[in-house]
């Protein structure tokens, strides 16, 4: 597969220059739901520093896995088991989120991690499961392997910045995390339908429209400032009480 990449002629014509922004835009659109899922997973770590490190290292691993997926895409698409595994993994994440017990001390419903190294593989494999959908679409647009990899690299960089924004927004908007996991469920169901019958897969415009509506709902209500302020006040009081 690596020989195939090295032997691929790199044609830098006008068509290539026009196609690259299309692939980047495609990655950005298809990565919006991915970004919120990764942000929610990163929130399973305590502290913003660990969350940022988990996203940085997790997405480096994710890019390596994307490259492997792109190089083996022709082979992977022959086996429905890969898409079934991706669908099962995404739907398991959704089930784990919505079946989690309410916790007044920690409103985060997603997976929780004791160490950074527990979060990194979850982030990497979640991105890989999403990539089964986006990479297949990108390969259909362009047969230039290096071009798809370049689009994937730019997509991962954009995904990192989007996930960083979503980590902050998840604390500000009440329904955003729920909306994000519903979009994860949609992607998982889309992969499952592709396994059952490719003719049942909804068109791309319908998926983008549904995700757009879910995001509008996710950003429709801000969290109460009073709750956030009381939380910050308690965090200030705890160290002062400990000194006494």
C-alpha atoms as a PDB file:
ATOM      1  CA  UNK A   1       0.000   0.000   0.000  1.00  0.00           C
ATOM      2  CA  UNK A   2       2.893   2.347   0.768  1.00  0.00           C
ATOM      3  CA  UNK A   3       4.367   1.583  -2.675  1.00  0.00           C
ATOM      4  CA  UNK A   4       1.045   2.613  -4.189  1.00  0.00           C
ATOM      5  CA  UNK A   5       1.262   5.985  -2.432  1.00  0.00           C
ATOM      6  CA  UNK A   6       4.853   6.567  -3.539  1.00  0.00           C
ATOM      7  CA  UNK A   7       4.078   5.597  -7.134  1.00  0.00           C
ATOM      8  CA  UNK A   8       1.025   7.857  -7.350  1.00  0.00           C
ATOM      9  CA  UNK A   9       1.669  10.704  -9.809  1.00  0.00           C
ATOM     10  CA  UNK A  10       1.277  14.062  -8.072  1.00  0.00           C
ATOM     11  CA  UNK A  11      -0.540  16.178 -10.639  1.00  0.00           C
ATOM     12  CA  UNK A  12      -0.660  19.800  -9.531  1.00  0.00           C
ATOM     13  CA  UNK A  13      -3.093  21.008 -12.186  1.00  0.00           C
ATOM     14  CA  UNK A  14      -5.963  23.438 -11.855  1.00  0.00           C
ATOM     15  CA  UNK A  15      -8.343  20.540 -11.173  1.00  0.00           C
ATOM     16  CA  UNK A  16      -6.210  19.483  -8.211  1.00  0.00           C
ATOM     17  CA  UNK A  17      -6.056  23.008  -6.796  1.00  0.00           C
ATOM     18  CA  UNK A  18      -9.852  23.278  -7.038  1.00  0.00           C
ATOM     19  CA  UNK A  19     -10.423  19.821  -5.563  1.00  0.00           C
ATOM     20  CA  UNK A  20      -8.326  20.321  -2.417  1.00  0.00           C
ATOM     21  CA  UNK A  21     -10.609  23.004  -0.867  1.00  0.00           C
ATOM     22  CA  UNK A  22     -13.611  20.787  -1.700  1.00  0.00           C
ATOM     23  CA  UNK A  23     -12.056  17.918   0.257  1.00  0.00           C
ATOM     24  CA  UNK A  24     -11.147  20.231   3.136  1.00  0.00           C
ATOM     25  CA  UNK A  25     -14.700  21.630   3.245  1.00  0.00           C
ATOM     26  CA  UNK A  26     -16.069  18.084   3.137  1.00  0.00           C
ATOM     27  CA  UNK A  27     -13.834  17.074   6.044  1.00  0.00           C
ATOM     28  CA  UNK A  28     -14.941  20.155   8.026  1.00  0.00           C
ATOM     29  CA  UNK A  29     -18.664  19.484   7.480  1.00  0.00           C
ATOM     30  CA  UNK A  30     -18.397  15.787   8.259  1.00  0.00           C
ATOM     31  CA  UNK A  31     -16.150  16.492  11.274  1.00  0.00           C
ATOM     32  CA  UNK A  32     -18.545  18.825  13.109  1.00  0.00           C
ATOM     33  CA  UNK A  33     -20.350  15.953  14.825  1.00  0.00           C
ATOM     34  CA  UNK A  34     -17.014  14.183  15.301  1.00  0.00           C
ATOM     35  CA  UNK A  35     -15.594  17.255  17.059  1.00  0.00           C
ATOM     36  CA  UNK A  36     -18.372  17.450  19.623  1.00  0.00           C
ATOM     37  CA  UNK A  37     -18.073  13.713  20.343  1.00  0.00           C
ATOM     38  CA  UNK A  38     -14.310  14.020  20.906  1.00  0.00           C
ATOM     39  CA  UNK A  39     -14.830  17.096  23.090  1.00  0.00           C
ATOM     40  CA  UNK A  40     -17.345  15.200  25.232  1.00  0.00           C
ATOM     41  CA  UNK A  41     -14.923  12.267  25.548  1.00  0.00           C
ATOM     42  CA  UNK A  42     -12.068  14.587  26.547  1.00  0.00           C
ATOM     43  CA  UNK A  43     -14.283  16.004  29.289  1.00  0.00           C
ATOM     44  CA  UNK A  44     -13.985  12.617  30.989  1.00  0.00           C
ATOM     45  CA  UNK A  45     -10.601  13.851  32.245  1.00  0.00           C
ATOM     46  CA  UNK A  46     -10.247  16.254  35.143  1.00  0.00           C
ATOM     47  CA  UNK A  47      -8.796  19.645  34.231  1.00  0.00           C
ATOM     48  CA  UNK A  48      -8.426  21.572  30.984  1.00  0.00           C
ATOM     49  CA  UNK A  49      -4.702  20.785  30.698  1.00  0.00           C
ATOM     50  CA  UNK A  50      -5.278  17.021  30.545  1.00  0.00           C
ATOM     51  CA  UNK A  51      -8.204  17.523  28.172  1.00  0.00           C
ATOM     52  CA  UNK A  52      -6.035  19.503  25.728  1.00  0.00           C
ATOM     53  CA  UNK A  53      -3.240  16.924  25.916  1.00  0.00           C
ATOM     54  CA  UNK A  54      -5.707  14.108  25.296  1.00  0.00           C
ATOM     55  CA  UNK A  55      -7.049  15.865  22.185  1.00  0.00           C
ATOM     56  CA  UNK A  56      -3.547  16.644  20.875  1.00  0.00           C
ATOM     57  CA  UNK A  57      -2.127  13.144  21.332  1.00  0.00           C
ATOM     58  CA  UNK A  58      -5.380  11.388  20.495  1.00  0.00           C
ATOM     59  CA  UNK A  59      -5.696  13.227  17.172  1.00  0.00           C
ATOM     60  CA  UNK A  60      -2.055  12.522  16.259  1.00  0.00           C
ATOM     61  CA  UNK A  61      -2.869   8.819  16.669  1.00  0.00           C
ATOM     62  CA  UNK A  62      -6.148   9.405  14.816  1.00  0.00           C
ATOM     63  CA  UNK A  63      -4.333  10.913  11.824  1.00  0.00           C
ATOM     64  CA  UNK A  64      -2.006   7.903  11.628  1.00  0.00           C
ATOM     65  CA  UNK A  65      -5.051   5.619  11.665  1.00  0.00           C
ATOM     66  CA  UNK A  66      -6.710   7.770   8.971  1.00  0.00           C
ATOM     67  CA  UNK A  67      -3.670   7.422   6.723  1.00  0.00           C
ATOM     68  CA  UNK A  68      -3.741   3.641   7.186  1.00  0.00           C
ATOM     69  CA  UNK A  69      -7.467   3.670   6.375  1.00  0.00           C
ATOM     70  CA  UNK A  70      -6.926   5.763   3.224  1.00  0.00           C
ATOM     71  CA  UNK A  71      -4.091   3.517   2.005  1.00  0.00           C
ATOM     72  CA  UNK A  72      -6.206   0.404   2.568  1.00  0.00           C
ATOM     73  CA  UNK A  73      -9.575   1.936   1.591  1.00  0.00           C
ATOM     74  CA  UNK A  74      -9.966  -0.207  -1.535  1.00  0.00           C
ATOM     75  CA  UNK A  75      -9.447  -3.326   0.561  1.00  0.00           C
ATOM     76  CA  UNK A  76     -11.463  -2.150   3.599  1.00  0.00           C
ATOM     77  CA  UNK A  77     -14.567  -1.338   1.537  1.00  0.00           C
ATOM     78  CA  UNK A  78     -14.730  -4.986   0.421  1.00  0.00           C
ATOM     79  CA  UNK A  79     -15.461  -6.138   3.984  1.00  0.00           C
ATOM     80  CA  UNK A  80     -18.714  -5.028   5.600  1.00  0.00           C
ATOM     81  CA  UNK A  81     -17.404  -6.199   8.984  1.00  0.00           C
ATOM     82  CA  UNK A  82     -15.347  -2.997   9.352  1.00  0.00           C
ATOM     83  CA  UNK A  83     -18.392  -0.761   8.946  1.00  0.00           C
ATOM     84  CA  UNK A  84     -20.392  -3.017  11.280  1.00  0.00           C
ATOM     85  CA  UNK A  85     -17.659  -2.716  13.921  1.00  0.00           C
ATOM     86  CA  UNK A  86     -17.597   1.072  13.491  1.00  0.00           C
ATOM     87  CA  UNK A  87     -21.388   1.289  13.782  1.00  0.00           C
ATOM     88  CA  UNK A  88     -21.421  -0.938  16.877  1.00  0.00           C
ATOM     89  CA  UNK A  89     -18.686   1.139  18.520  1.00  0.00           C
ATOM     90  CA  UNK A  90     -20.437   4.481  17.907  1.00  0.00           C
ATOM     91  CA  UNK A  91     -23.823   3.156  19.043  1.00  0.00           C
ATOM     92  CA  UNK A  92     -22.167   1.714  22.163  1.00  0.00           C
ATOM     93  CA  UNK A  93     -20.786   5.180  22.989  1.00  0.00           C
ATOM     94  CA  UNK A  94     -24.287   6.638  22.598  1.00  0.00           C
ATOM     95  CA  UNK A  95     -25.843   3.915  24.775  1.00  0.00           C
ATOM     96  CA  UNK A  96     -23.175   4.414  27.437  1.00  0.00           C
ATOM     97  CA  UNK A  97     -23.849   8.158  27.454  1.00  0.00           C
ATOM     98  CA  UNK A  98     -27.651   8.081  27.685  1.00  0.00           C
ATOM     99  CA  UNK A  99     -27.733   5.193  30.183  1.00  0.00           C
ATOM    100  CA  UNK A 100     -25.255   6.847  32.582  1.00  0.00           C
ATOM    101  CA  UNK A 101     -26.498   7.697  36.065  1.00  0.00           C
ATOM    102  CA  UNK A 102     -27.094  11.328  36.976  1.00  0.00           C
ATOM    103  CA  UNK A 103     -24.332  12.761  39.159  1.00  0.00           C
ATOM    104  CA  UNK A 104     -24.848  16.117  40.845  1.00  0.00           C
ATOM    105  CA  UNK A 105     -21.106  16.581  41.379  1.00  0.00           C
ATOM    106  CA  UNK A 106     -20.244  15.847  37.729  1.00  0.00           C
ATOM    107  CA  UNK A 107     -22.874  16.477  35.028  1.00  0.00           C
ATOM    108  CA  UNK A 108     -20.673  14.837  32.378  1.00  0.00           C
ATOM    109  CA  UNK A 109     -22.382  11.622  31.175  1.00  0.00           C
ATOM    110  CA  UNK A 110     -19.689  10.299  28.872  1.00  0.00           C
ATOM    111  CA  UNK A 111     -16.837   7.916  29.713  1.00  0.00           C
ATOM    112  CA  UNK A 112     -14.581   8.977  32.578  1.00  0.00           C
ATOM    113  CA  UNK A 113     -10.859   8.352  32.725  1.00  0.00           C
ATOM    114  CA  UNK A 114      -8.424   8.122  35.598  1.00  0.00           C
ATOM    115  CA  UNK A 115      -5.372   8.811  33.401  1.00  0.00           C
ATOM    116  CA  UNK A 116      -4.506  10.536  30.132  1.00  0.00           C
ATOM    117  CA  UNK A 117      -3.500   7.244  28.498  1.00  0.00           C
ATOM    118  CA  UNK A 118      -6.968   5.792  28.967  1.00  0.00           C
ATOM    119  CA  UNK A 119      -8.554   8.664  27.009  1.00  0.00           C
ATOM    120  CA  UNK A 120      -6.139   8.750  24.043  1.00  0.00           C
ATOM    121  CA  UNK A 121      -7.123   5.399  22.420  1.00  0.00           C
ATOM    122  CA  UNK A 122     -10.843   6.166  22.896  1.00  0.00           C
ATOM    123  CA  UNK A 123     -10.399   9.503  21.066  1.00  0.00           C
ATOM    124  CA  UNK A 124      -8.318   7.878  18.294  1.00  0.00           C
ATOM    125  CA  UNK A 125     -10.700   4.989  17.656  1.00  0.00           C
ATOM    126  CA  UNK A 126     -13.769   7.243  17.810  1.00  0.00           C
ATOM    127  CA  UNK A 127     -12.264   9.392  15.060  1.00  0.00           C
ATOM    128  CA  UNK A 128     -11.447   6.219  13.088  1.00  0.00           C
ATOM    129  CA  UNK A 129     -15.070   5.058  13.316  1.00  0.00           C
ATOM    130  CA  UNK A 130     -16.241   8.434  11.969  1.00  0.00           C
ATOM    131  CA  UNK A 131     -13.569   8.266   9.263  1.00  0.00           C
ATOM    132  CA  UNK A 132     -15.123   5.108   7.821  1.00  0.00           C
ATOM    133  CA  UNK A 133     -17.843   7.434   6.531  1.00  0.00           C
ATOM    134  CA  UNK A 134     -15.856  10.558   5.580  1.00  0.00           C
ATOM    135  CA  UNK A 135     -12.852   8.800   4.000  1.00  0.00           C
ATOM    136  CA  UNK A 136     -15.113   6.669   1.814  1.00  0.00           C
ATOM    137  CA  UNK A 137     -16.786   9.848   0.556  1.00  0.00           C
ATOM    138  CA  UNK A 138     -13.415  11.538  -0.057  1.00  0.00           C
ATOM    139  CA  UNK A 139     -12.068   8.526  -1.996  1.00  0.00           C
ATOM    140  CA  UNK A 140     -15.174   8.659  -4.195  1.00  0.00           C
ATOM    141  CA  UNK A 141     -14.404  12.306  -5.061  1.00  0.00           C
ATOM    142  CA  UNK A 142     -10.692  11.885  -5.816  1.00  0.00           C
ATOM    143  CA  UNK A 143      -8.488   8.904  -6.685  1.00  0.00           C
ATOM    144  CA  UNK A 144      -5.372  10.937  -5.823  1.00  0.00           C
ATOM    145  CA  UNK A 145      -4.240   9.265  -2.592  1.00  0.00           C
ATOM    146  CA  UNK A 146      -1.849  12.053  -1.588  1.00  0.00           C
ATOM    147  CA  UNK A 147      -4.640  14.597  -2.093  1.00  0.00           C
ATOM    148  CA  UNK A 148      -7.044  12.700   0.163  1.00  0.00           C
ATOM    149  CA  UNK A 149      -4.315  12.399   2.830  1.00  0.00           C
ATOM    150  CA  UNK A 150      -3.630  16.156   2.606  1.00  0.00           C
ATOM    151  CA  UNK A 151      -7.338  16.874   2.994  1.00  0.00           C
ATOM    152  CA  UNK A 152      -7.438  14.466   5.939  1.00  0.00           C
ATOM    153  CA  UNK A 153      -4.483  16.202   7.616  1.00  0.00           C
ATOM    154  CA  UNK A 154      -6.111  19.623   7.283  1.00  0.00           C
ATOM    155  CA  UNK A 155      -9.371  18.084   8.490  1.00  0.00           C
ATOM    156  CA  UNK A 156      -7.687  16.712  11.630  1.00  0.00           C
ATOM    157  CA  UNK A 157      -6.128  20.120  12.373  1.00  0.00           C
ATOM    158  CA  UNK A 158      -9.531  21.783  11.952  1.00  0.00           C
ATOM    159  CA  UNK A 159     -11.066  19.049  14.095  1.00  0.00           C
ATOM    160  CA  UNK A 160      -8.625  19.845  16.924  1.00  0.00           C
ATOM    161  CA  UNK A 161      -9.614  23.513  16.987  1.00  0.00           C
ATOM    162  CA  UNK A 162     -13.329  22.700  16.710  1.00  0.00           C
ATOM    163  CA  UNK A 163     -13.106  20.182  19.560  1.00  0.00           C
ATOM    164  CA  UNK A 164     -11.315  22.784  21.700  1.00  0.00           C
ATOM    165  CA  UNK A 165     -14.188  25.215  21.134  1.00  0.00           C
ATOM    166  CA  UNK A 166     -16.800  22.553  21.879  1.00  0.00           C
ATOM    167  CA  UNK A 167     -15.167  21.710  25.224  1.00  0.00           C
ATOM    168  CA  UNK A 168     -15.891  25.278  26.302  1.00  0.00           C
ATOM    169  CA  UNK A 169     -19.344  25.378  24.722  1.00  0.00           C
ATOM    170  CA  UNK A 170     -20.427  22.128  26.386  1.00  0.00           C
ATOM    171  CA  UNK A 171     -20.349  23.964  29.718  1.00  0.00           C
ATOM    172  CA  UNK A 172     -22.248  26.944  28.309  1.00  0.00           C
ATOM    173  CA  UNK A 173     -25.150  25.294  26.449  1.00  0.00           C
ATOM    174  CA  UNK A 174     -27.562  22.903  28.144  1.00  0.00           C
ATOM    175  CA  UNK A 175     -28.511  20.657  25.199  1.00  0.00           C
ATOM    176  CA  UNK A 176     -25.251  20.667  23.241  1.00  0.00           C
ATOM    177  CA  UNK A 177     -23.811  17.423  24.622  1.00  0.00           C
ATOM    178  CA  UNK A 178     -27.113  15.588  24.056  1.00  0.00           C
ATOM    179  CA  UNK A 179     -27.280  16.953  20.499  1.00  0.00           C
ATOM    180  CA  UNK A 180     -23.716  15.800  19.875  1.00  0.00           C
ATOM    181  CA  UNK A 181     -24.401  12.239  20.946  1.00  0.00           C
ATOM    182  CA  UNK A 182     -27.605  12.105  18.870  1.00  0.00           C
ATOM    183  CA  UNK A 183     -25.481  13.010  15.829  1.00  0.00           C
ATOM    184  CA  UNK A 184     -23.079  10.208  16.803  1.00  0.00           C
ATOM    185  CA  UNK A 185     -26.088   7.873  16.789  1.00  0.00           C
ATOM    186  CA  UNK A 186     -27.042   9.103  13.297  1.00  0.00           C
ATOM    187  CA  UNK A 187     -23.559   8.342  11.951  1.00  0.00           C
ATOM    188  CA  UNK A 188     -23.628   4.905  13.619  1.00  0.00           C
ATOM    189  CA  UNK A 189     -27.054   4.140  12.128  1.00  0.00           C
ATOM    190  CA  UNK A 190     -25.857   5.341   8.710  1.00  0.00           C
ATOM    191  CA  UNK A 191     -22.950   2.880   8.840  1.00  0.00           C
ATOM    192  CA  UNK A 192     -25.316   0.121   9.982  1.00  0.00           C
ATOM    193  CA  UNK A 193     -27.735   0.805   7.121  1.00  0.00           C
ATOM    194  CA  UNK A 194     -24.830   0.659   4.679  1.00  0.00           C
ATOM    195  CA  UNK A 195     -24.048  -2.831   5.951  1.00  0.00           C
ATOM    196  CA  UNK A 196     -27.679  -3.996   5.715  1.00  0.00           C
ATOM    197  CA  UNK A 197     -28.537  -2.428   2.353  1.00  0.00           C
ATOM    198  CA  UNK A 198     -26.638   0.372   0.652  1.00  0.00           C
ATOM    199  CA  UNK A 199     -29.877   1.567  -0.915  1.00  0.00           C
ATOM    200  CA  UNK A 200     -31.269   2.421   2.539  1.00  0.00           C
ATOM    201  CA  UNK A 201     -28.473   4.918   3.297  1.00  0.00           C
ATOM    202  CA  UNK A 202     -29.909   8.455   3.472  1.00  0.00           C
ATOM    203  CA  UNK A 203     -28.389  11.009   1.068  1.00  0.00           C
ATOM    204  CA  UNK A 204     -25.587  13.256   2.287  1.00  0.00           C
ATOM    205  CA  UNK A 205     -27.710  16.435   2.109  1.00  0.00           C
ATOM    206  CA  UNK A 206     -30.295  14.873   4.446  1.00  0.00           C
ATOM    207  CA  UNK A 207     -27.637  13.895   6.991  1.00  0.00           C
ATOM    208  CA  UNK A 208     -26.093  17.383   6.908  1.00  0.00           C
ATOM    209  CA  UNK A 209     -29.569  18.957   7.312  1.00  0.00           C
ATOM    210  CA  UNK A 210     -30.418  16.736  10.311  1.00  0.00           C
ATOM    211  CA  UNK A 211     -27.069  17.451  11.952  1.00  0.00           C
ATOM    212  CA  UNK A 212     -27.579  21.179  11.336  1.00  0.00           C
ATOM    213  CA  UNK A 213     -31.004  21.065  13.035  1.00  0.00           C
ATOM    214  CA  UNK A 214     -29.557  19.150  15.979  1.00  0.00           C
ATOM    215  CA  UNK A 215     -26.825  21.740  16.380  1.00  0.00           C
ATOM    216  CA  UNK A 216     -29.422  24.538  16.332  1.00  0.00           C
ATOM    217  CA  UNK A 217     -31.195  22.732  19.177  1.00  0.00           C
ATOM    218  CA  UNK A 218     -27.879  22.185  20.963  1.00  0.00           C
ATOM    219  CA  UNK A 219     -27.119  25.910  20.945  1.00  0.00           C
ATOM    220  CA  UNK A 220     -30.701  26.950  21.743  1.00  0.00           C
ATOM    221  CA  UNK A 221     -30.387  27.219  25.539  1.00  0.00           C
ATOM    222  CA  UNK A 222     -27.575  28.537  27.678  1.00  0.00           C
ATOM    223  CA  UNK A 223     -26.773  27.008  31.054  1.00  0.00           C
ATOM    224  CA  UNK A 224     -27.821  29.057  34.079  1.00  0.00           C
ATOM    225  CA  UNK A 225     -25.080  31.422  35.118  1.00  0.00           C
ATOM    226  CA  UNK A 226     -26.050  31.011  38.741  1.00  0.00           C
ATOM    227  CA  UNK A 227     -25.136  27.338  38.743  1.00  0.00           C
ATOM    228  CA  UNK A 228     -21.763  28.063  37.182  1.00  0.00           C
ATOM    229  CA  UNK A 229     -21.105  30.931  39.588  1.00  0.00           C
ATOM    230  CA  UNK A 230     -21.973  28.827  42.627  1.00  0.00           C
ATOM    231  CA  UNK A 231     -19.642  26.093  41.412  1.00  0.00           C
ATOM    232  CA  UNK A 232     -16.786  28.556  40.999  1.00  0.00           C
ATOM    233  CA  UNK A 233     -17.524  30.033  44.451  1.00  0.00           C
ATOM    234  CA  UNK A 234     -17.388  26.609  46.091  1.00  0.00           C
ATOM    235  CA  UNK A 235     -14.047  25.921  44.368  1.00  0.00           C
ATOM    236  CA  UNK A 236     -12.674  29.168  45.841  1.00  0.00           C
ATOM    237  CA  UNK A 237     -13.991  28.409  49.308  1.00  0.00           C
ATOM    238  CA  UNK A 238     -12.605  24.871  49.518  1.00  0.00           C
ATOM    239  CA  UNK A 239      -8.898  25.871  49.525  1.00  0.00           C
ATOM    240  CA  UNK A 240      -9.515  28.689  52.018  1.00  0.00           C
ATOM    241  CA  UNK A 241     -11.363  26.337  54.366  1.00  0.00           C
ATOM    242  CA  UNK A 242      -8.569  23.804  54.057  1.00  0.00           C
ATOM    243  CA  UNK A 243      -6.035  26.447  55.190  1.00  0.00           C
ATOM    244  CA  UNK A 244      -8.073  27.102  58.330  1.00  0.00           C
END
